[in-house]
Amino acid sequence: MRDMGMWFEDILKNYISVTKLRTLVDDTPQIIGYDTGKDFTFGQGNIEIDALTYGYIKDTNIFENFSLKLS
């Protein structure tokens, strides 16, 4: 009987988690104009990153003085 109660409790927790997730997704505002959108037009331009240092954890960098130029 105890195992059955724990099983039911697990199912109930999962149901509540899914319900919260569905509520979040359903309540998320839609992007205005997404269905009509605009045509993409390619233009000339450059992207440049100069001396980027970045990390998720303090004192542990993923990029250290990273530079990149796309033309």
PDB file of N, CA and C in Angstrom:
ATOM      1  N   MET A   1       0.830  -1.195   0.000  1.00  0.00           N
ATOM      2  CA  MET A   1       0.000   0.000   0.000  1.00  0.00           C
ATOM      3  C   MET A   1       0.880   1.267   0.000  1.00  0.00           C
ATOM      4  N   ARG A   2       1.980   1.213   0.762  1.00  0.00           N
ATOM      5  CA  ARG A   2       2.889   2.359   0.838  1.00  0.00           C
ATOM      6  C   ARG A   2       3.497   2.647  -0.528  1.00  0.00           C
ATOM      7  N   ASP A   3       3.909   1.600  -1.248  1.00  0.00           N
ATOM      8  CA  ASP A   3       4.475   1.776  -2.587  1.00  0.00           C
ATOM      9  C   ASP A   3       3.473   2.409  -3.541  1.00  0.00           C
ATOM     10  N   MET A   4       2.218   2.028  -3.398  1.00  0.00           N
ATOM     11  CA  MET A   4       1.170   2.592  -4.243  1.00  0.00           C
ATOM     12  C   MET A   4       0.989   4.077  -3.954  1.00  0.00           C
ATOM     13  N   GLY A   5       1.093   4.468  -2.696  1.00  0.00           N
ATOM     14  CA  GLY A   5       0.979   5.876  -2.322  1.00  0.00           C
ATOM     15  C   GLY A   5       2.128   6.696  -2.885  1.00  0.00           C
ATOM     16  N   MET A   6       3.350   6.136  -2.832  1.00  0.00           N
ATOM     17  CA  MET A   6       4.508   6.829  -3.382  1.00  0.00           C
ATOM     18  C   MET A   6       4.395   6.944  -4.896  1.00  0.00           C
ATOM     19  N   TRP A   7       3.902   5.908  -5.535  1.00  0.00           N
ATOM     20  CA  TRP A   7       3.696   5.909  -6.985  1.00  0.00           C
ATOM     21  C   TRP A   7       2.712   7.006  -7.373  1.00  0.00           C
ATOM     22  N   PHE A   8       1.606   7.105  -6.632  1.00  0.00           N
ATOM     23  CA  PHE A   8       0.600   8.124  -6.910  1.00  0.00           C
ATOM     24  C   PHE A   8       1.182   9.521  -6.677  1.00  0.00           C
ATOM     25  N   GLU A   9       1.990   9.675  -5.626  1.00  0.00           N
ATOM     26  CA  GLU A   9       2.607  10.963  -5.338  1.00  0.00           C
ATOM     27  C   GLU A   9       3.543  11.388  -6.476  1.00  0.00           C
ATOM     28  N   ASP A  10       4.313  10.447  -7.015  1.00  0.00           N
ATOM     29  CA  ASP A  10       5.196  10.752  -8.147  1.00  0.00           C
ATOM     30  C   ASP A  10       4.402  11.185  -9.373  1.00  0.00           C
ATOM     31  N   ILE A  11       3.327  10.487  -9.658  1.00  0.00           N
ATOM     32  CA  ILE A  11       2.489  10.843 -10.807  1.00  0.00           C
ATOM     33  C   ILE A  11       1.889  12.234 -10.611  1.00  0.00           C
ATOM     34  N   LEU A  12       1.438  12.522  -9.415  1.00  0.00           N
ATOM     35  CA  LEU A  12       0.840  13.826  -9.119  1.00  0.00           C
ATOM     36  C   LEU A  12       1.865  14.945  -9.280  1.00  0.00           C
ATOM     37  N   LYS A  13       3.104  14.744  -8.803  1.00  0.00           N
ATOM     38  CA  LYS A  13       4.156  15.745  -8.953  1.00  0.00           C
ATOM     39  C   LYS A  13       4.459  15.994 -10.428  1.00  0.00           C
ATOM     40  N   ASN A  14       4.554  14.923 -11.212  1.00  0.00           N
ATOM     41  CA  ASN A  14       4.813  15.068 -12.645  1.00  0.00           C
ATOM     42  C   ASN A  14       3.676  15.795 -13.347  1.00  0.00           C
ATOM     43  N   TYR A  15       2.446  15.489 -12.974  1.00  0.00           N
ATOM     44  CA  TYR A  15       1.286  16.155 -13.570  1.00  0.00           C
ATOM     45  C   TYR A  15       1.318  17.658 -13.272  1.00  0.00           C
ATOM     46  N   ILE A  16       1.634  18.005 -12.036  1.00  0.00           N
ATOM     47  CA  ILE A  16       1.688  19.417 -11.652  1.00  0.00           C
ATOM     48  C   ILE A  16       2.802  20.127 -12.426  1.00  0.00           C
ATOM     49  N   SER A  17       3.959  19.479 -12.585  1.00  0.00           N
ATOM     50  CA  SER A  17       5.064  20.083 -13.338  1.00  0.00           C
ATOM     51  C   SER A  17       4.676  20.327 -14.787  1.00  0.00           C
ATOM     52  N   VAL A  18       4.029  19.352 -15.404  1.00  0.00           N
ATOM     53  CA  VAL A  18       3.606  19.503 -16.805  1.00  0.00           C
ATOM     54  C   VAL A  18       2.550  20.595 -16.922  1.00  0.00           C
ATOM     55  N   THR A  19       1.641  20.653 -15.974  1.00  0.00           N
ATOM     56  CA  THR A  19       0.596  21.682 -15.994  1.00  0.00           C
ATOM     57  C   THR A  19       1.212  23.078 -15.884  1.00  0.00           C
ATOM     58  N   LYS A  20       2.195  23.254 -15.008  1.00  0.00           N
ATOM     59  CA  LYS A  20       2.865  24.551 -14.876  1.00  0.00           C
ATOM     60  C   LYS A  20       3.597  24.924 -16.161  1.00  0.00           C
ATOM     61  N   LEU A  21       4.253  23.948 -16.771  1.00  0.00           N
ATOM     62  CA  LEU A  21       4.972  24.199 -18.014  1.00  0.00           C
ATOM     63  C   LEU A  21       4.014  24.592 -19.132  1.00  0.00           C
ATOM     64  N   ARG A  22       2.897  23.895 -19.252  1.00  0.00           N
ATOM     65  CA  ARG A  22       1.918  24.229 -20.294  1.00  0.00           C
ATOM     66  C   ARG A  22       1.335  25.612 -20.076  1.00  0.00           C
ATOM     67  N   THR A  23       1.084  25.972 -18.823  1.00  0.00           N
ATOM     68  CA  THR A  23       0.567  27.304 -18.512  1.00  0.00           C
ATOM     69  C   THR A  23       1.585  28.367 -18.920  1.00  0.00           C
ATOM     70  N   LEU A  24       2.851  28.129 -18.624  1.00  0.00           N
ATOM     71  CA  LEU A  24       3.897  29.080 -18.989  1.00  0.00           C
ATOM     72  C   LEU A  24       3.960  29.258 -20.497  1.00  0.00           C
ATOM     73  N   VAL A  25       3.948  28.169 -21.234  1.00  0.00           N
ATOM     74  CA  VAL A  25       4.043  28.235 -22.690  1.00  0.00           C
ATOM     75  C   VAL A  25       2.800  28.888 -23.287  1.00  0.00           C
ATOM     76  N   ASP A  26       1.641  28.537 -22.774  1.00  0.00           N
ATOM     77  CA  ASP A  26       0.403  29.101 -23.306  1.00  0.00           C
ATOM     78  C   ASP A  26       0.264  30.587 -23.010  1.00  0.00           C
ATOM     79  N   ASP A  27       0.831  31.049 -21.882  1.00  0.00           N
ATOM     80  CA  ASP A  27       0.701  32.447 -21.490  1.00  0.00           C
ATOM     81  C   ASP A  27       1.804  33.338 -22.055  1.00  0.00           C
ATOM     82  N   THR A  28       2.778  32.750 -22.734  1.00  0.00           N
ATOM     83  CA  THR A  28       3.870  33.531 -23.299  1.00  0.00           C
ATOM     84  C   THR A  28       3.337  34.390 -24.441  1.00  0.00           C
ATOM     85  N   PRO A  29       3.622  35.691 -24.424  1.00  0.00           N
ATOM     86  CA  PRO A  29       3.120  36.547 -25.500  1.00  0.00           C
ATOM     87  C   PRO A  29       3.712  36.141 -26.852  1.00  0.00           C
ATOM     88  N   GLN A  30       2.912  36.248 -27.875  1.00  0.00           N
ATOM     89  CA  GLN A  30       3.346  35.914 -29.220  1.00  0.00           C
ATOM     90  C   GLN A  30       4.110  37.087 -29.824  1.00  0.00           C
ATOM     91  N   ILE A  31       5.002  36.791 -30.736  1.00  0.00           N
ATOM     92  CA  ILE A  31       5.760  37.832 -31.424  1.00  0.00           C
ATOM     93  C   ILE A  31       4.838  38.513 -32.436  1.00  0.00           C
ATOM     94  N   ILE A  32       4.717  39.815 -32.342  1.00  0.00           N
ATOM     95  CA  ILE A  32       3.848  40.561 -33.241  1.00  0.00           C
ATOM     96  C   ILE A  32       4.438  40.524 -34.648  1.00  0.00           C
ATOM     97  N   GLY A  33       3.634  40.156 -35.615  1.00  0.00           N
ATOM     98  CA  GLY A  33       4.063  40.121 -36.997  1.00  0.00           C
ATOM     99  C   GLY A  33       4.768  38.834 -37.394  1.00  0.00           C
ATOM    100  N   TYR A  34       4.841  37.856 -36.497  1.00  0.00           N
ATOM    101  CA  TYR A  34       5.544  36.611 -36.800  1.00  0.00           C
ATOM    102  C   TYR A  34       4.941  35.897 -38.004  1.00  0.00           C
ATOM    103  N   ASP A  35       3.624  35.910 -38.098  1.00  0.00           N
ATOM    104  CA  ASP A  35       2.966  35.190 -39.194  1.00  0.00           C
ATOM    105  C   ASP A  35       3.147  35.890 -40.541  1.00  0.00           C
ATOM    106  N   THR A  36       3.341  37.202 -40.549  1.00  0.00           N
ATOM    107  CA  THR A  36       3.540  37.909 -41.814  1.00  0.00           C
ATOM    108  C   THR A  36       5.017  38.101 -42.101  1.00  0.00           C
ATOM    109  N   GLY A  37       5.763  38.529 -41.122  1.00  0.00           N
ATOM    110  CA  GLY A  37       7.213  38.673 -41.243  1.00  0.00           C
ATOM    111  C   GLY A  37       7.654  39.589 -42.366  1.00  0.00           C
ATOM    112  N   LYS A  38       8.939  39.706 -42.517  1.00  0.00           N
ATOM    113  CA  LYS A  38       9.527  40.493 -43.591  1.00  0.00           C
ATOM    114  C   LYS A  38      10.498  39.612 -44.349  1.00  0.00           C
ATOM    115  N   ASP A  39      10.645  39.871 -45.647  1.00  0.00           N
ATOM    116  CA  ASP A  39      11.610  39.141 -46.444  1.00  0.00           C
ATOM    117  C   ASP A  39      13.018  39.537 -46.031  1.00  0.00           C
ATOM    118  N   PHE A  40      13.904  38.554 -45.997  1.00  0.00           N
ATOM    119  CA  PHE A  40      15.292  38.817 -45.658  1.00  0.00           C
ATOM    120  C   PHE A  40      16.006  39.390 -46.869  1.00  0.00           C
ATOM    121  N   THR A  41      16.712  40.474 -46.652  1.00  0.00           N
ATOM    122  CA  THR A  41      17.534  41.035 -47.717  1.00  0.00           C
ATOM    123  C   THR A  41      18.970  41.071 -47.227  1.00  0.00           C
ATOM    124  N   PHE A  42      19.862  40.566 -48.047  1.00  0.00           N
ATOM    125  CA  PHE A  42      21.272  40.518 -47.688  1.00  0.00           C
ATOM    126  C   PHE A  42      21.910  41.867 -47.946  1.00  0.00           C
ATOM    127  N   GLY A  43      22.633  42.344 -46.995  1.00  0.00           N
ATOM    128  CA  GLY A  43      23.346  43.607 -47.149  1.00  0.00           C
ATOM    129  C   GLY A  43      24.820  43.403 -46.855  1.00  0.00           C
ATOM    130  N   GLN A  44      25.595  44.361 -47.204  1.00  0.00           N
ATOM    131  CA  GLN A  44      27.031  44.293 -46.937  1.00  0.00           C
ATOM    132  C   GLN A  44      27.282  44.774 -45.517  1.00  0.00           C
ATOM    133  N   GLY A  45      28.252  44.156 -44.885  1.00  0.00           N
ATOM    134  CA  GLY A  45      28.594  44.577 -43.534  1.00  0.00           C
ATOM    135  C   GLY A  45      29.707  43.729 -42.974  1.00  0.00           C
ATOM    136  N   ASN A  46      30.203  44.129 -41.860  1.00  0.00           N
ATOM    137  CA  ASN A  46      31.280  43.427 -41.179  1.00  0.00           C
ATOM    138  C   ASN A  46      30.864  43.149 -39.745  1.00  0.00           C
ATOM    139  N   ILE A  47      31.395  42.069 -39.214  1.00  0.00           N
ATOM    140  CA  ILE A  47      31.238  41.755 -37.800  1.00  0.00           C
ATOM    141  C   ILE A  47      32.637  41.671 -37.228  1.00  0.00           C
ATOM    142  N   GLU A  48      32.858  42.376 -36.130  1.00  0.00           N
ATOM    143  CA  GLU A  48      34.186  42.344 -35.530  1.00  0.00           C
ATOM    144  C   GLU A  48      34.065  42.230 -34.013  1.00  0.00           C
ATOM    145  N   ILE A  49      34.812  41.275 -33.468  1.00  0.00           N
ATOM    146  CA  ILE A  49      34.930  41.105 -32.021  1.00  0.00           C
ATOM    147  C   ILE A  49      36.389  41.326 -31.698  1.00  0.00           C
ATOM    148  N   ASP A  50      36.664  42.201 -30.750  1.00  0.00           N
ATOM    149  CA  ASP A  50      38.051  42.531 -30.439  1.00  0.00           C
ATOM    150  C   ASP A  50      38.316  42.353 -28.945  1.00  0.00           C
ATOM    151  N   ALA A  51      39.242  41.471 -28.625  1.00  0.00           N
ATOM    152  CA  ALA A  51      39.728  41.256 -27.264  1.00  0.00           C
ATOM    153  C   ALA A  51      38.606  40.867 -26.296  1.00  0.00           C
ATOM    154  N   LEU A  52      37.798  39.893 -26.680  1.00  0.00           N
ATOM    155  CA  LEU A  52      36.692  39.416 -25.846  1.00  0.00           C
ATOM    156  C   LEU A  52      37.220  38.442 -24.801  1.00  0.00           C
ATOM    157  N   THR A  53      36.856  38.671 -23.564  1.00  0.00           N
ATOM    158  CA  THR A  53      37.118  37.725 -22.482  1.00  0.00           C
ATOM    159  C   THR A  53      35.777  37.424 -21.838  1.00  0.00           C
ATOM    160  N   TYR A  54      35.427  36.126 -21.752  1.00  0.00           N
ATOM    161  CA  TYR A  54      34.109  35.746 -21.252  1.00  0.00           C
ATOM    162  C   TYR A  54      34.186  34.399 -20.558  1.00  0.00           C
ATOM    163  N   GLY A  55      33.418  34.243 -19.488  1.00  0.00           N
ATOM    164  CA  GLY A  55      33.310  32.971 -18.785  1.00  0.00           C
ATOM    165  C   GLY A  55      32.018  32.907 -18.007  1.00  0.00           C
ATOM    166  N   TYR A  56      31.545  31.706 -17.750  1.00  0.00           N
ATOM    167  CA  TYR A  56      30.322  31.500 -16.974  1.00  0.00           C
ATOM    168  C   TYR A  56      30.584  31.559 -15.473  1.00  0.00           C
ATOM    169  N   ILE A  57      31.781  31.106 -15.095  1.00  0.00           N
ATOM    170  CA  ILE A  57      32.145  31.037 -13.686  1.00  0.00           C
ATOM    171  C   ILE A  57      33.307  31.992 -13.447  1.00  0.00           C
ATOM    172  N   LYS A  58      33.274  32.679 -12.320  1.00  0.00           N
ATOM    173  CA  LYS A  58      34.337  33.634 -11.998  1.00  0.00           C
ATOM    174  C   LYS A  58      35.706  32.956 -12.050  1.00  0.00           C
ATOM    175  N   ASP A  59      36.648  33.616 -12.677  1.00  0.00           N
ATOM    176  CA  ASP A  59      38.034  33.141 -12.825  1.00  0.00           C
ATOM    177  C   ASP A  59      38.167  31.902 -13.705  1.00  0.00           C
ATOM    178  N   THR A  60      37.140  31.538 -14.462  1.00  0.00           N
ATOM    179  CA  THR A  60      37.217  30.427 -15.418  1.00  0.00           C
ATOM    180  C   THR A  60      36.684  30.944 -16.745  1.00  0.00           C
ATOM    181  N   ASN A  61      37.577  31.383 -17.610  1.00  0.00           N
ATOM    182  CA  ASN A  61      37.165  31.991 -18.872  1.00  0.00           C
ATOM    183  C   ASN A  61      37.077  30.962 -19.993  1.00  0.00           C
ATOM    184  N   ILE A  62      36.064  31.126 -20.809  1.00  0.00           N
ATOM    185  CA  ILE A  62      35.918  30.312 -22.012  1.00  0.00           C
ATOM    186  C   ILE A  62      36.680  30.988 -23.148  1.00  0.00           C
ATOM    187  N   PHE A  63      36.553  32.298 -23.230  1.00  0.00           N
ATOM    188  CA  PHE A  63      37.314  33.097 -24.192  1.00  0.00           C
ATOM    189  C   PHE A  63      38.250  34.007 -23.423  1.00  0.00           C
ATOM    190  N   GLU A  64      39.474  34.062 -23.862  1.00  0.00           N
ATOM    191  CA  GLU A  64      40.463  34.941 -23.243  1.00  0.00           C
ATOM    192  C   GLU A  64      41.137  35.743 -24.351  1.00  0.00           C
ATOM    193  N   ASN A  65      40.833  37.053 -24.376  1.00  0.00           N
ATOM    194  CA  ASN A  65      41.410  37.941 -25.383  1.00  0.00           C
ATOM    195  C   ASN A  65      41.150  37.438 -26.811  1.00  0.00           C
ATOM    196  N   PHE A  66      39.913  37.036 -27.062  1.00  0.00           N
ATOM    197  CA  PHE A  66      39.502  36.465 -28.348  1.00  0.00           C
ATOM    198  C   PHE A  66      39.132  37.572 -29.327  1.00  0.00           C
ATOM    199  N   SER A  67      39.628  37.489 -30.545  1.00  0.00           N
ATOM    200  CA  SER A  67      39.291  38.462 -31.580  1.00  0.00           C
ATOM    201  C   SER A  67      38.863  37.729 -32.856  1.00  0.00           C
ATOM    202  N   LEU A  68      37.921  38.318 -33.563  1.00  0.00           N
ATOM    203  CA  LEU A  68      37.382  37.723 -34.775  1.00  0.00           C
ATOM    204  C   LEU A  68      36.885  38.835 -35.679  1.00  0.00           C
ATOM    205  N   LYS A  69      37.136  38.726 -36.973  1.00  0.00           N
ATOM    206  CA  LYS A  69      36.629  39.697 -37.933  1.00  0.00           C
ATOM    207  C   LYS A  69      36.070  38.943 -39.130  1.00  0.00           C
ATOM    208  N   LEU A  70      34.789  39.194 -39.422  1.00  0.00           N
ATOM    209  CA  LEU A  70      34.122  38.607 -40.570  1.00  0.00           C
ATOM    210  C   LEU A  70      33.785  39.736 -41.543  1.00  0.00           C
ATOM    211  N   SER A  71      34.226  39.585 -42.772  1.00  0.00           N
ATOM    212  CA  SER A  71      33.968  40.638 -43.770  1.00  0.00           C
ATOM    213  C   SER A  71      33.193  40.053 -44.924  1.00  0.00           C
TER     214      SER A  71
END
